[in-house]
Protein backbone atom coordinates (compact mmCIF):
# COMPACT_ATOMS: atom_id res chain seq x y z
CA MET A 1 61.81 73.08 116.21
CA PHE A 2 65.02 72.22 114.32
CA ASP A 3 66.56 68.88 114.73
CA ASP A 4 70.09 67.96 113.78
CA SER A 5 69.34 67.05 110.08
CA ASP A 6 67.83 70.48 109.55
CA ARG A 7 70.80 72.19 111.01
CA ASP A 8 73.12 70.04 108.84
CA ARG A 9 71.06 70.91 105.80
CA LEU A 10 71.26 74.64 106.63
CA LYS A 11 75.10 74.53 107.09
CA SER A 12 75.50 72.69 103.82
CA LEU A 13 73.31 75.31 102.14
CA ALA A 14 75.29 78.13 103.62
CA LYS A 15 78.49 76.56 102.42
CA ARG A 16 77.20 76.04 98.89
CA ILE A 17 75.97 79.63 98.71
CA ASP A 18 79.46 80.83 99.74
CA GLN A 19 81.05 78.64 97.23
CA ALA A 20 78.77 79.95 94.49
CA GLN A 21 79.38 83.51 95.35
CA LYS A 22 83.14 83.11 95.28
CA ALA A 23 82.77 81.22 91.90
CA ALA A 24 80.62 84.07 90.56
CA ASP A 25 83.10 86.82 91.62
CA PRO A 26 86.67 85.64 91.52
CA ALA A 27 87.90 89.24 92.32
CA ALA A 28 86.24 88.98 95.78
CA GLY A 29 89.27 87.03 97.17
CA LYS A 30 91.71 89.63 95.91
CA GLU A 31 89.58 92.53 97.17
CA ASP A 32 90.32 91.59 100.97
CA GLY A 33 94.11 91.94 100.34
CA GLU A 34 93.70 95.13 98.50
CA SER A 35 91.32 96.46 101.01
CA SER A 36 93.72 95.83 103.88
CA SER A 37 96.57 97.36 101.99
CA ARG A 38 94.59 100.47 101.34
CA LYS A 39 93.47 100.63 105.03
CA ARG A 40 97.23 100.48 106.08
CA GLN A 41 98.07 103.27 103.60
CA THR A 42 95.20 105.30 104.99
CA VAL A 43 96.36 104.89 108.54
CA GLU A 44 99.98 105.70 107.56
CA ALA A 45 98.77 108.97 105.74
CA ILE A 46 96.73 109.99 108.74
CA ARG A 47 99.60 109.42 111.04
CA VAL A 48 102.02 111.47 108.93
CA GLY A 49 99.52 114.29 108.60
CA SER A 50 98.73 114.39 112.27
CA ASP A 51 102.51 114.31 113.08
CA PHE A 52 103.06 117.26 110.66
CA ILE A 53 100.20 119.35 112.28
CA ALA A 54 101.29 118.46 115.77
CA LEU A 55 104.98 119.54 115.17
CA ILE A 56 103.75 122.93 114.01
CA VAL A 57 101.05 123.42 116.81
CA LEU A 58 103.33 122.26 119.58
CA SER A 59 106.23 124.26 118.59
CA GLY A 60 104.15 127.42 118.21
CA ALA A 61 102.59 126.77 121.62
CA LEU A 62 105.95 126.35 123.12
CA GLY A 63 107.33 129.41 121.51
CA TRP A 64 104.23 131.36 122.67
CA TYR A 65 104.66 130.12 126.25
CA LEU A 66 108.41 130.92 126.37
CA ASP A 67 107.76 134.38 124.85
CA ARG A 68 105.27 135.18 127.74
CA GLU A 69 107.69 133.90 130.38
CA LEU A 70 110.82 135.51 128.90
CA GLU A 71 109.11 138.65 127.59
CA THR A 72 110.61 138.26 124.21
CA THR A 73 107.27 138.56 122.26
CA PRO A 74 107.07 137.50 119.33
CA TRP A 75 110.52 136.24 118.53
CA LEU A 76 110.67 132.89 120.12
CA MET A 77 107.29 131.94 118.86
CA LEU A 78 108.19 132.87 115.32
CA THR A 79 111.47 130.99 115.61
CA LEU A 80 110.03 127.88 117.02
CA LEU A 81 107.14 127.96 114.66
CA SER A 82 109.56 128.08 111.74
CA VAL A 83 111.49 125.19 113.19
CA GLY A 84 108.27 123.23 113.58
CA PHE A 85 107.45 123.80 109.86
CA VAL A 86 111.03 122.74 108.81
CA LEU A 87 110.83 119.55 110.95
CA GLY A 88 107.30 118.74 109.72
CA PHE A 89 108.50 118.99 106.12
CA TRP A 90 111.66 117.07 106.81
CA PHE A 91 109.66 114.14 108.46
CA LEU A 92 107.25 114.25 105.53
CA TYR A 93 110.08 114.00 103.09
CA TYR A 94 111.80 111.29 105.08
CA PHE A 95 108.55 109.32 105.13
CA LEU A 96 107.97 109.63 101.38
CA THR A 97 111.55 108.71 100.44
CA LYS A 98 111.64 105.75 102.78
CA LYS A 99 108.37 104.42 101.29
CA THR A 100 109.79 104.83 97.79
CA LYS A 101 113.00 103.03 98.66
CA ASP A 102 111.08 100.14 100.30
CA ASP A 103 108.65 99.82 97.24
CA VAL A 104 111.57 99.76 94.76
CA GLY A 105 114.15 97.71 96.57
């Protein structure tokens, strides 16, 4: 059906269409860099949020388990849950200040 000359013409046409699209929208080249930066920031935000939640949930679960085993209900759970909140906020603060220092310096 297609011979080599037809394939070459199609490739040439596709190349010209790409060049015309890039010439018509010069911001398209910048969008890829901004898009990847935004994706990286989104992934980092999800990681920080999940670490925060995981610290609270795991410390609460550990406290609940130790309370049941040691019969100290509810004191270990409340203590470890508080420690989980403090550590979660500390990691969040550390992450935010580290990012600010990297951006400035």
